[in-house]
PDB file of N, CA and C in Angstrom:
ATOM      1  N   MET A   1     -49.022  87.683  86.092  1.00  0.00           N
ATOM      2  CA  MET A   1     -49.340  86.298  85.719  1.00  0.00           C
ATOM      3  C   MET A   1     -48.418  85.635  84.978  1.00  0.00           C
ATOM      4  N   ARG A   2     -48.727  85.006  84.319  1.00  0.00           N
ATOM      5  CA  ARG A   2     -47.501  83.860  83.205  1.00  0.00           C
ATOM      6  C   ARG A   2     -48.539  84.166  82.286  1.00  0.00           C
ATOM      7  N   ARG A   3     -48.491  84.523  80.632  1.00  0.00           N
ATOM      8  CA  ARG A   3     -48.307  84.173  79.636  1.00  0.00           C
ATOM      9  C   ARG A   3     -48.776  82.603  78.982  1.00  0.00           C
ATOM     10  N   PRO A   4     -50.335  82.443  78.575  1.00  0.00           N
ATOM     11  CA  PRO A   4     -50.122  81.081  77.809  1.00  0.00           C
ATOM     12  C   PRO A   4     -49.921  80.700  77.158  1.00  0.00           C
ATOM     13  N   ARG A   5     -49.203  79.355  77.336  1.00  0.00           N
ATOM     14  CA  ARG A   5     -48.189  79.178  75.353  1.00  0.00           C
ATOM     15  C   ARG A   5     -48.731  78.940  74.459  1.00  0.00           C
ATOM     16  N   PRO A   6     -48.419  79.460  73.865  1.00  0.00           N
ATOM     17  CA  PRO A   6     -48.557  79.524  72.056  1.00  0.00           C
ATOM     18  C   PRO A   6     -49.304  77.600  72.052  1.00  0.00           C
ATOM     19  N   ARG A   7     -50.487  77.382  71.197  1.00  0.00           N
ATOM     20  CA  ARG A   7     -50.417  76.506  70.695  1.00  0.00           C
ATOM     21  C   ARG A   7     -50.888  75.921  69.383  1.00  0.00           C
ATOM     22  N   ALA A   8     -50.434  74.719  69.419  1.00  0.00           N
ATOM     23  CA  ALA A   8     -49.980  74.012  68.219  1.00  0.00           C
ATOM     24  C   ALA A   8     -51.515  74.641  66.953  1.00  0.00           C
ATOM     25  N   PRO A   9     -51.107  74.829  65.692  1.00  0.00           N
ATOM     26  CA  PRO A   9     -52.136  74.719  64.798  1.00  0.00           C
ATOM     27  C   PRO A   9     -52.901  73.996  64.886  1.00  0.00           C
ATOM     28  N   LEU A  10     -54.250  74.748  64.388  1.00  0.00           N
ATOM     29  CA  LEU A  10     -55.457  74.152  64.857  1.00  0.00           C
ATOM     30  C   LEU A  10     -55.577  72.917  63.342  1.00  0.00           C
ATOM     31  N   PHE A  11     -55.037  73.045  62.312  1.00  0.00           N
ATOM     32  CA  PHE A  11     -55.072  72.354  61.072  1.00  0.00           C
ATOM     33  C   PHE A  11     -53.779  72.237  60.450  1.00  0.00           C
ATOM     34  N   LEU A  12     -53.868  71.187  59.613  1.00  0.00           N
ATOM     35  CA  LEU A  12     -53.023  70.968  59.086  1.00  0.00           C
ATOM     36  C   LEU A  12     -51.986  71.518  57.888  1.00  0.00           C
ATOM     37  N   PRO A  13     -51.509  72.252  57.398  1.00  0.00           N
ATOM     38  CA  PRO A  13     -50.698  73.152  56.351  1.00  0.00           C
ATOM     39  C   PRO A  13     -51.855  72.103  54.848  1.00  0.00           C
ATOM     40  N   ARG A  14     -51.942  73.212  53.822  1.00  0.00           N
ATOM     41  CA  ARG A  14     -52.187  72.645  53.438  1.00  0.00           C
ATOM     42  C   ARG A  14     -51.898  70.858  51.960  1.00  0.00           C
ATOM     43  N   PRO A  15     -50.421  71.577  51.902  1.00  0.00           N
ATOM     44  CA  PRO A  15     -50.063  69.674  51.306  1.00  0.00           C
ATOM     45  C   PRO A  15     -50.017  68.790  52.222  1.00  0.00           C
ATOM     46  N   ASP A  16     -49.817  69.158  53.907  1.00  0.00           N
ATOM     47  CA  ASP A  16     -49.799  68.011  54.451  1.00  0.00           C
ATOM     48  C   ASP A  16     -51.258  67.178  54.422  1.00  0.00           C
ATOM     49  N   TYR A  17     -52.409  67.720  53.837  1.00  0.00           N
ATOM     50  CA  TYR A  17     -53.846  67.992  54.284  1.00  0.00           C
ATOM     51  C   TYR A  17     -53.956  66.707  52.823  1.00  0.00           C
ATOM     52  N   ARG A  18     -53.702  67.764  51.954  1.00  0.00           N
ATOM     53  CA  ARG A  18     -53.917  66.752  50.799  1.00  0.00           C
ATOM     54  C   ARG A  18     -52.879  65.456  50.611  1.00  0.00           C
ATOM     55  N   ARG A  19     -52.215  65.264  50.643  1.00  0.00           N
ATOM     56  CA  ARG A  19     -51.135  64.309  50.843  1.00  0.00           C
ATOM     57  C   ARG A  19     -52.428  63.138  51.718  1.00  0.00           C
ATOM     58  N   ARG A  20     -52.796  63.799  52.866  1.00  0.00           N
ATOM     59  CA  ARG A  20     -53.588  62.589  53.864  1.00  0.00           C
ATOM     60  C   ARG A  20     -54.641  61.607  53.040  1.00  0.00           C
ATOM     61  N   ARG A  21     -55.312  63.151  52.151  1.00  0.00           N
ATOM     62  CA  ARG A  21     -56.175  62.769  51.745  1.00  0.00           C
ATOM     63  C   ARG A  21     -56.227  61.753  50.515  1.00  0.00           C
ATOM     64  N   LEU A  22     -54.961  62.047  50.077  1.00  0.00           N
ATOM     65  CA  LEU A  22     -55.043  61.675  48.871  1.00  0.00           C
ATOM     66  C   LEU A  22     -54.203  60.095  48.913  1.00  0.00           C
ATOM     67  N   VAL A  23     -54.178  59.611  49.954  1.00  0.00           N
ATOM     68  CA  VAL A  23     -53.402  58.361  50.926  1.00  0.00           C
ATOM     69  C   VAL A  23     -54.462  57.926  51.352  1.00  0.00           C
ATOM     70  N   ASP A  24     -55.459  58.756  51.244  1.00  0.00           N
ATOM     71  CA  ASP A  24     -57.042  57.822  52.618  1.00  0.00           C
ATOM     72  C   ASP A  24     -58.064  57.480  50.953  1.00  0.00           C
ATOM     73  N   ALA A  25     -57.799  58.311  50.162  1.00  0.00           N
ATOM     74  CA  ALA A  25     -58.678  57.631  48.817  1.00  0.00           C
ATOM     75  C   ALA A  25     -57.493  56.377  48.100  1.00  0.00           C
ATOM     76  N   ALA A  26     -56.227  56.439  48.046  1.00  0.00           N
ATOM     77  CA  ALA A  26     -55.337  55.524  48.029  1.00  0.00           C
ATOM     78  C   ALA A  26     -56.424  53.822  48.562  1.00  0.00           C
ATOM     79  N   ARG A  27     -56.387  54.129  49.724  1.00  0.00           N
ATOM     80  CA  ARG A  27     -56.405  53.345  51.036  1.00  0.00           C
ATOM     81  C   ARG A  27     -58.258  52.608  50.954  1.00  0.00           C
ATOM     82  N   LEU A  28     -59.090  53.377  50.083  1.00  0.00           N
ATOM     83  CA  LEU A  28     -60.694  53.072  50.370  1.00  0.00           C
ATOM     84  C   LEU A  28     -60.914  52.804  48.711  1.00  0.00           C
ATOM     85  N   LEU A  29     -60.156  53.304  47.728  1.00  0.00           N
ATOM     86  CA  LEU A  29     -60.318  52.239  46.731  1.00  0.00           C
ATOM     87  C   LEU A  29     -60.790  50.775  46.209  1.00  0.00           C
ATOM     88  N   PRO A  30     -59.870  49.927  46.461  1.00  0.00           N
ATOM     89  CA  PRO A  30     -60.391  48.488  47.082  1.00  0.00           C
ATOM     90  C   PRO A  30     -61.154  47.950  47.518  1.00  0.00           C
ATOM     91  N   VAL A  31     -61.668  49.045  48.057  1.00  0.00           N
ATOM     92  CA  VAL A  31     -63.382  48.853  49.227  1.00  0.00           C
ATOM     93  C   VAL A  31     -64.256  49.113  47.609  1.00  0.00           C
ATOM     94  N   LEU A  32     -64.187  50.158  47.369  1.00  0.00           N
ATOM     95  CA  LEU A  32     -64.660  50.812  46.427  1.00  0.00           C
ATOM     96  C   LEU A  32     -64.877  49.856  45.064  1.00  0.00           C
ATOM     97  N   GLY A  33     -63.878  49.453  45.525  1.00  0.00           N
ATOM     98  CA  GLY A  33     -64.073  48.371  44.152  1.00  0.00           C
ATOM     99  C   GLY A  33     -64.924  47.101  43.890  1.00  0.00           C
ATOM    100  N   GLY A  34     -64.422  46.510  45.107  1.00  0.00           N
ATOM    101  CA  GLY A  34     -65.165  45.396  45.611  1.00  0.00           C
ATOM    102  C   GLY A  34     -66.301  45.612  45.533  1.00  0.00           C
ATOM    103  N   PHE A  35     -66.808  46.524  46.213  1.00  0.00           N
ATOM    104  CA  PHE A  35     -68.590  47.083  45.929  1.00  0.00           C
ATOM    105  C   PHE A  35     -69.309  46.634  44.722  1.00  0.00           C
ATOM    106  N   LEU A  36     -68.469  48.074  43.799  1.00  0.00           N
ATOM    107  CA  LEU A  36     -68.625  47.757  42.402  1.00  0.00           C
ATOM    108  C   LEU A  36     -68.461  46.587  41.997  1.00  0.00           C
ATOM    109  N   VAL A  37     -67.734  45.440  42.169  1.00  0.00           N
ATOM    110  CA  VAL A  37     -67.811  44.236  41.340  1.00  0.00           C
ATOM    111  C   VAL A  37     -68.934  43.644  41.715  1.00  0.00           C
ATOM    112  N   LEU A  38     -69.384  43.380  43.333  1.00  0.00           N
ATOM    113  CA  LEU A  38     -70.773  42.838  43.927  1.00  0.00           C
ATOM    114  C   LEU A  38     -72.383  43.165  43.463  1.00  0.00           C
ATOM    115  N   LEU A  39     -71.810  44.522  42.734  1.00  0.00           N
ATOM    116  CA  LEU A  39     -73.138  45.138  42.878  1.00  0.00           C
ATOM    117  C   LEU A  39     -74.104  44.579  42.067  1.00  0.00           C
ATOM    118  N   PRO A  40     -73.783  44.304  41.115  1.00  0.00           N
ATOM    119  CA  PRO A  40     -74.994  43.241  39.780  1.00  0.00           C
ATOM    120  C   PRO A  40     -75.058  42.174  40.823  1.00  0.00           C
ATOM    121  N   ILE A  41     -75.389  41.979  41.954  1.00  0.00           N
ATOM    122  CA  ILE A  41     -75.321  40.662  42.793  1.00  0.00           C
ATOM    123  C   ILE A  41     -76.864  40.807  42.760  1.00  0.00           C
ATOM    124  N   LEU A  42     -76.352  42.456  43.443  1.00  0.00           N
ATOM    125  CA  LEU A  42     -78.319  43.045  43.633  1.00  0.00           C
ATOM    126  C   LEU A  42     -79.264  43.648  42.413  1.00  0.00           C
ATOM    127  N   TRP A  43     -78.770  43.194  40.844  1.00  0.00           N
ATOM    128  CA  TRP A  43     -79.487  44.064  40.550  1.00  0.00           C
ATOM    129  C   TRP A  43     -80.496  42.386  40.649  1.00  0.00           C
ATOM    130  N   VAL A  44     -80.567  41.354  40.173  1.00  0.00           N
ATOM    131  CA  VAL A  44     -80.616  39.742  39.951  1.00  0.00           C
ATOM    132  C   VAL A  44     -81.862  39.842  40.454  1.00  0.00           C
ATOM    133  N   ARG A  45     -83.206  39.509  40.023  1.00  0.00           N
ATOM    134  CA  ARG A  45     -83.726  39.484  40.839  1.00  0.00           C
ATOM    135  C   ARG A  45     -84.455  37.956  40.519  1.00  0.00           C
ATOM    136  N   ALA A  46     -85.597  37.450  41.210  1.00  0.00           N
ATOM    137  CA  ALA A  46     -85.570  35.575  41.106  1.00  0.00           C
ATOM    138  C   ALA A  46     -86.173  35.489  40.210  1.00  0.00           C
ATOM    139  N   ASP A  47     -87.272  36.558  40.061  1.00  0.00           N
ATOM    140  CA  ASP A  47     -88.735  35.843  38.363  1.00  0.00           C
ATOM    141  C   ASP A  47     -88.114  36.643  37.438  1.00  0.00           C
ATOM    142  N   ALA A  48     -86.907  36.687  37.115  1.00  0.00           N
ATOM    143  CA  ALA A  48     -86.798  37.388  35.737  1.00  0.00           C
ATOM    144  C   ALA A  48     -85.393  35.528  34.872  1.00  0.00           C
ATOM    145  N   PRO A  49     -85.507  36.437  33.949  1.00  0.00           N
ATOM    146  CA  PRO A  49     -84.757  35.104  32.940  1.00  0.00           C
ATOM    147  C   PRO A  49     -83.154  35.816  33.102  1.00  0.00           C
ATOM    148  N   SER A  50     -82.354  34.873  33.875  1.00  0.00           N
ATOM    149  CA  SER A  50     -81.167  35.846  33.014  1.00  0.00           C
ATOM    150  C   SER A  50     -80.777  35.586  31.902  1.00  0.00           C
ATOM    151  N   GLY A  51     -80.192  36.272  30.950  1.00  0.00           N
ATOM    152  CA  GLY A  51     -80.121  37.089  29.737  1.00  0.00           C
ATOM    153  C   GLY A  51     -78.996  38.016  30.001  1.00  0.00           C
ATOM    154  N   GLY A  52     -78.741  38.458  31.072  1.00  0.00           N
ATOM    155  CA  GLY A  52     -78.053  39.973  31.698  1.00  0.00           C
ATOM    156  C   GLY A  52     -76.289  40.132  31.346  1.00  0.00           C
ATOM    157  N   THR A  53     -75.675  38.567  30.669  1.00  0.00           N
ATOM    158  CA  THR A  53     -74.249  38.468  31.259  1.00  0.00           C
ATOM    159  C   THR A  53     -73.600  39.122  29.840  1.00  0.00           C
ATOM    160  N   ALA A  54     -73.854  39.662  28.605  1.00  0.00           N
ATOM    161  CA  ALA A  54     -73.622  40.945  28.240  1.00  0.00           C
ATOM    162  C   ALA A  54     -73.293  42.336  28.710  1.00  0.00           C
ATOM    163  N   ARG A  55     -75.003  42.518  29.350  1.00  0.00           N
ATOM    164  CA  ARG A  55     -74.616  43.640  30.009  1.00  0.00           C
ATOM    165  C   ARG A  55     -73.469  44.077  31.671  1.00  0.00           C
ATOM    166  N   ASP A  56     -73.737  42.712  32.178  1.00  0.00           N
ATOM    167  CA  ASP A  56     -72.693  42.169  33.667  1.00  0.00           C
ATOM    168  C   ASP A  56     -71.149  42.286  33.041  1.00  0.00           C
ATOM    169  N   GLY A  57     -70.983  41.731  31.590  1.00  0.00           N
ATOM    170  CA  GLY A  57     -69.547  41.678  30.784  1.00  0.00           C
ATOM    171  C   GLY A  57     -69.145  43.261  31.045  1.00  0.00           C
ATOM    172  N   ILE A  58     -69.689  43.930  29.983  1.00  0.00           N
ATOM    173  CA  ILE A  58     -69.910  45.184  30.042  1.00  0.00           C
ATOM    174  C   ILE A  58     -69.432  46.476  31.347  1.00  0.00           C
ATOM    175  N   TYR A  59     -70.305  46.410  31.821  1.00  0.00           N
ATOM    176  CA  TYR A  59     -70.348  46.676  33.238  1.00  0.00           C
ATOM    177  C   TYR A  59     -68.985  46.403  33.803  1.00  0.00           C
ATOM    178  N   LEU A  60     -68.576  45.267  34.506  1.00  0.00           N
ATOM    179  CA  LEU A  60     -67.611  44.956  34.931  1.00  0.00           C
ATOM    180  C   LEU A  60     -66.512  45.284  34.316  1.00  0.00           C
ATOM    181  N   PHE A  61     -66.272  45.019  32.695  1.00  0.00           N
ATOM    182  CA  PHE A  61     -65.155  45.767  32.446  1.00  0.00           C
ATOM    183  C   PHE A  61     -65.446  47.635  32.295  1.00  0.00           C
ATOM    184  N   VAL A  62     -66.430  47.934  32.302  1.00  0.00           N
ATOM    185  CA  VAL A  62     -66.290  49.726  32.431  1.00  0.00           C
ATOM    186  C   VAL A  62     -65.646  49.955  34.149  1.00  0.00           C
ATOM    187  N   ILE A  63     -66.462  49.240  34.948  1.00  0.00           N
ATOM    188  CA  ILE A  63     -65.919  49.202  36.510  1.00  0.00           C
ATOM    189  C   ILE A  63     -64.237  48.551  36.379  1.00  0.00           C
ATOM    190  N   TRP A  64     -63.406  47.930  35.543  1.00  0.00           N
ATOM    191  CA  TRP A  64     -62.479  47.703  35.934  1.00  0.00           C
ATOM    192  C   TRP A  64     -61.340  48.920  35.421  1.00  0.00           C
ATOM    193  N   ALA A  65     -62.005  49.402  33.749  1.00  0.00           N
ATOM    194  CA  ALA A  65     -60.877  50.636  33.734  1.00  0.00           C
ATOM    195  C   ALA A  65     -61.048  51.478  34.018  1.00  0.00           C
ATOM    196  N   VAL A  66     -62.219  51.782  34.925  1.00  0.00           N
ATOM    197  CA  VAL A  66     -62.475  53.476  35.642  1.00  0.00           C
ATOM    198  C   VAL A  66     -61.779  52.891  36.995  1.00  0.00           C
ATOM    199  N   LEU A  67     -61.698  52.136  37.772  1.00  0.00           N
ATOM    200  CA  LEU A  67     -60.010  51.515  38.300  1.00  0.00           C
ATOM    201  C   LEU A  67     -58.880  51.868  38.555  1.00  0.00           C
ATOM    202  N   VAL A  68     -58.501  51.189  37.323  1.00  0.00           N
ATOM    203  CA  VAL A  68     -57.583  51.064  36.351  1.00  0.00           C
ATOM    204  C   VAL A  68     -56.819  52.809  36.927  1.00  0.00           C
ATOM    205  N   GLY A  69     -57.987  53.361  36.162  1.00  0.00           N
ATOM    206  CA  GLY A  69     -58.017  55.330  36.098  1.00  0.00           C
ATOM    207  C   GLY A  69     -57.467  55.446  36.652  1.00  0.00           C
ATOM    208  N   ALA A  70     -57.642  55.453  37.988  1.00  0.00           N
ATOM    209  CA  ALA A  70     -58.411  56.077  39.671  1.00  0.00           C
ATOM    210  C   ALA A  70     -56.822  55.547  40.289  1.00  0.00           C
ATOM    211  N   ALA A  71     -56.567  55.098  39.924  1.00  0.00           N
ATOM    212  CA  ALA A  71     -55.170  54.441  40.943  1.00  0.00           C
ATOM    213  C   ALA A  71     -53.849  54.104  40.610  1.00  0.00           C
ATOM    214  N   ALA A  72     -53.778  54.355  38.946  1.00  0.00           N
ATOM    215  CA  ALA A  72     -52.788  54.870  37.866  1.00  0.00           C
ATOM    216  C   ALA A  72     -52.596  56.688  38.295  1.00  0.00           C
ATOM    217  N   LEU A  73     -53.842  57.669  38.357  1.00  0.00           N
ATOM    218  CA  LEU A  73     -54.083  58.820  38.930  1.00  0.00           C
ATOM    219  C   LEU A  73     -53.625  59.124  40.112  1.00  0.00           C
ATOM    220  N   LEU A  74     -54.348  58.476  41.060  1.00  0.00           N
ATOM    221  CA  LEU A  74     -53.473  58.487  42.538  1.00  0.00           C
ATOM    222  C   LEU A  74     -52.469  58.509  42.666  1.00  0.00           C
ATOM    223  N   ALA A  75     -52.065  57.040  42.234  1.00  0.00           N
ATOM    224  CA  ALA A  75     -50.581  56.481  42.052  1.00  0.00           C
ATOM    225  C   ALA A  75     -49.457  58.062  41.482  1.00  0.00           C
ATOM    226  N   ASN A  76     -49.787  58.567  40.165  1.00  0.00           N
ATOM    227  CA  ASN A  76     -48.994  59.594  39.523  1.00  0.00           C
ATOM    228  C   ASN A  76     -49.000  60.216  41.175  1.00  0.00           C
ATOM    229  N   ARG A  77     -50.295  61.146  41.548  1.00  0.00           N
ATOM    230  CA  ARG A  77     -50.096  62.123  42.165  1.00  0.00           C
ATOM    231  C   ARG A  77     -49.504  62.492  43.723  1.00  0.00           C
ATOM    232  N   LEU A  78     -49.575  60.782  43.929  1.00  0.00           N
ATOM    233  CA  LEU A  78     -48.819  60.824  45.364  1.00  0.00           C
ATOM    234  C   LEU A  78     -47.330  60.479  44.875  1.00  0.00           C
ATOM    235  N   ASP A  79     -46.938  60.538  44.083  1.00  0.00           N
ATOM    236  CA  ASP A  79     -45.465  59.876  43.442  1.00  0.00           C
ATOM    237  C   ASP A  79     -45.084  61.498  43.156  1.00  0.00           C
ATOM    238  N   ASP A  80     -45.951  62.514  43.222  1.00  0.00           N
ATOM    239  CA  ASP A  80     -45.697  63.956  42.174  1.00  0.00           C
ATOM    240  C   ASP A  80     -45.716  64.646  43.895  1.00  0.00           C
ATOM    241  N   ILE A  81     -46.500  64.918  44.617  1.00  0.00           N
ATOM    242  CA  ILE A  81     -45.637  64.914  46.553  1.00  0.00           C
ATOM    243  C   ILE A  81     -44.813  64.175  47.103  1.00  0.00           C
ATOM    244  N   ALA A  82     -44.788  62.913  47.049  1.00  0.00           N
ATOM    245  CA  ALA A  82     -43.449  62.478  47.283  1.00  0.00           C
ATOM    246  C   ALA A  82     -42.443  62.219  46.772  1.00  0.00           C
ATOM    247  N   ASP A  83     -42.327  62.954  45.608  1.00  0.00           N
ATOM    248  CA  ASP A  83     -41.043  63.765  45.549  1.00  0.00           C
ATOM    249  C   ASP A  83     -40.472  64.938  45.312  1.00  0.00           C
ATOM    250  N   ASP A  84     -41.586  65.426  46.091  1.00  0.00           N
ATOM    251  CA  ASP A  84     -41.618  67.444  46.742  1.00  0.00           C
ATOM    252  C   ASP A  84     -41.194  66.724  47.946  1.00  0.00           C
ATOM    253  N   ASP A  85     -41.264  65.908  49.235  1.00  0.00           N
ATOM    254  CA  ASP A  85     -41.624  66.096  50.165  1.00  0.00           C
ATOM    255  C   ASP A  85     -39.440  65.020  50.397  1.00  0.00           C
ATOM    256  N   THR A  86     -38.782  64.649  49.448  1.00  0.00           N
ATOM    257  CA  THR A  86     -37.480  64.277  49.532  1.00  0.00           C
ATOM    258  C   THR A  86     -36.929  65.429  49.215  1.00  0.00           C
ATOM    259  N   VAL A  87     -35.459  64.647  49.943  1.00  0.00           N
ATOM    260  CA  VAL A  87     -34.152  65.954  50.286  1.00  0.00           C
ATOM    261  C   VAL A  87     -33.834  66.078  48.902  1.00  0.00           C
ATOM    262  N   PRO A  88     -32.887  66.857  49.153  1.00  0.00           N
ATOM    263  CA  PRO A  88     -32.159  66.444  47.394  1.00  0.00           C
ATOM    264  C   PRO A  88     -31.296  66.005  47.771  1.00  0.00           C
ATOM    265  N   GLU A  89     -30.487  65.734  46.463  1.00  0.00           N
ATOM    266  CA  GLU A  89     -29.959  64.284  46.332  1.00  0.00           C
ATOM    267  C   GLU A  89     -28.344  65.471  47.525  1.00  0.00           C
ATOM    268  N   GLY A  90     -28.265  66.475  47.411  1.00  0.00           N
ATOM    269  CA  GLY A  90     -26.377  67.421  47.783  1.00  0.00           C
ATOM    270  C   GLY A  90     -26.618  67.073  49.277  1.00  0.00           C
ATOM    271  N   ASP A  91     -28.186  67.235  49.558  1.00  0.00           N
ATOM    272  CA  ASP A  91     -28.279  67.765  51.452  1.00  0.00           C
ATOM    273  C   ASP A  91     -28.684  66.515  51.906  1.00  0.00           C
ATOM    274  N   ALA A  92     -28.455  64.915  51.258  1.00  0.00           N
ATOM    275  CA  ALA A  92     -28.656  63.220  51.645  1.00  0.00           C
ATOM    276  C   ALA A  92     -27.494  63.167  52.370  1.00  0.00           C
ATOM    277  N   ASP A  93     -27.642  62.199  53.282  1.00  0.00           N
ATOM    278  CA  ASP A  93     -27.028  61.653  54.315  1.00  0.00           C
ATOM    279  C   ASP A  93     -26.434  60.590  54.010  1.00  0.00           C
ATOM    280  N   THR A  94     -25.009  60.874  53.435  1.00  0.00           N
ATOM    281  CA  THR A  94     -24.078  59.333  53.277  1.00  0.00           C
ATOM    282  C   THR A  94     -23.364  58.814  53.678  1.00  0.00           C
ATOM    283  N   SER A  95     -23.760  58.696  54.875  1.00  0.00           N
ATOM    284  CA  SER A  95     -22.752  57.555  56.620  1.00  0.00           C
ATOM    285  C   SER A  95     -22.269  56.294  55.997  1.00  0.00           C
ATOM    286  N   ASP A  96     -23.449  55.803  56.231  1.00  0.00           N
ATOM    287  CA  ASP A  96     -23.679  54.351  55.496  1.00  0.00           C
ATOM    288  C   ASP A  96     -23.250  53.950  54.310  1.00  0.00           C
ATOM    289  N   THR A  97     -22.539  54.190  53.860  1.00  0.00           N
ATOM    290  CA  THR A  97     -22.522  53.943  51.562  1.00  0.00           C
ATOM    291  C   THR A  97     -21.323  52.684  52.131  1.00  0.00           C
ATOM    292  N   GLY A  98     -20.275  52.820  53.167  1.00  0.00           N
ATOM    293  CA  GLY A  98     -18.994  51.285  53.009  1.00  0.00           C
ATOM    294  C   GLY A  98     -19.717  50.033  53.178  1.00  0.00           C
ATOM    295  N   ALA A  99     -20.344  49.780  53.555  1.00  0.00           N
ATOM    296  CA  ALA A  99     -19.980  48.110  54.139  1.00  0.00           C
ATOM    297  C   ALA A  99     -21.648  47.600  53.256  1.00  0.00           C
ATOM    298  N   ALA A 100     -22.361  48.711  51.643  1.00  0.00           N
ATOM    299  CA  ALA A 100     -23.311  47.777  50.914  1.00  0.00           C
ATOM    300  C   ALA A 100     -22.691  47.313  49.699  1.00  0.00           C
ATOM    301  N   GLY A 101     -21.784  48.094  49.263  1.00  0.00           N
ATOM    302  CA  GLY A 101     -20.867  48.007  48.138  1.00  0.00           C
ATOM    303  C   GLY A 101     -19.586  47.045  48.210  1.00  0.00           C
ATOM    304  N   SER A 102     -18.951  46.740  49.472  1.00  0.00           N
ATOM    305  CA  SER A 102     -17.682  46.301  49.436  1.00  0.00           C
ATOM    306  C   SER A 102     -17.814  45.628  49.230  1.00  0.00           C
ATOM    307  N   GLY A 103     -17.242  44.054  48.390  1.00  0.00           N
ATOM    308  CA  GLY A 103     -17.305  42.417  48.475  1.00  0.00           C
ATOM    309  C   GLY A 103     -17.798  41.776  47.331  1.00  0.00           C
ATOM    310  N   GLY A 104     -17.074  40.665  47.230  1.00  0.00           N
ATOM    311  CA  GLY A 104     -16.941  39.653  46.407  1.00  0.00           C
ATOM    312  C   GLY A 104     -17.367  38.170  47.084  1.00  0.00           C
ATOM    313  N   ASP A 105     -17.814  38.609  48.528  1.00  0.00           N
ATOM    314  CA  ASP A 105     -17.753  37.573  48.893  1.00  0.00           C
ATOM    315  C   ASP A 105     -19.060  36.324  48.935  1.00  0.00           C
ATOM    316  N   ALA A 106     -19.259  36.098  47.373  1.00  0.00           N
ATOM    317  CA  ALA A 106     -20.156  34.733  47.274  1.00  0.00           C
ATOM    318  C   ALA A 106     -20.803  33.772  47.382  1.00  0.00           C
TER     319      ALA A 106
END
């Protein structure tokens, strides 16, 4: 009888899984931000007098600050993960360095 072939693992390794979820979060952040910025439109009632401009302005500033903070946090974590995945400098392939720095034919 033939032995069955070993299957590939069903789940991703933890670092790959976390990196993919962080990339997903970075892609979703602008959509979430757009929704949160447009959310005050749903608060307006037709029979209510306007006067919530200060409240709406504070809301937008807070949302802006939270989105900037979240983007900075995601960028920092993605950068840390990218640094972990890079090849050390001693192991990098340097076979195509001849043409880039040779010449002053400008």
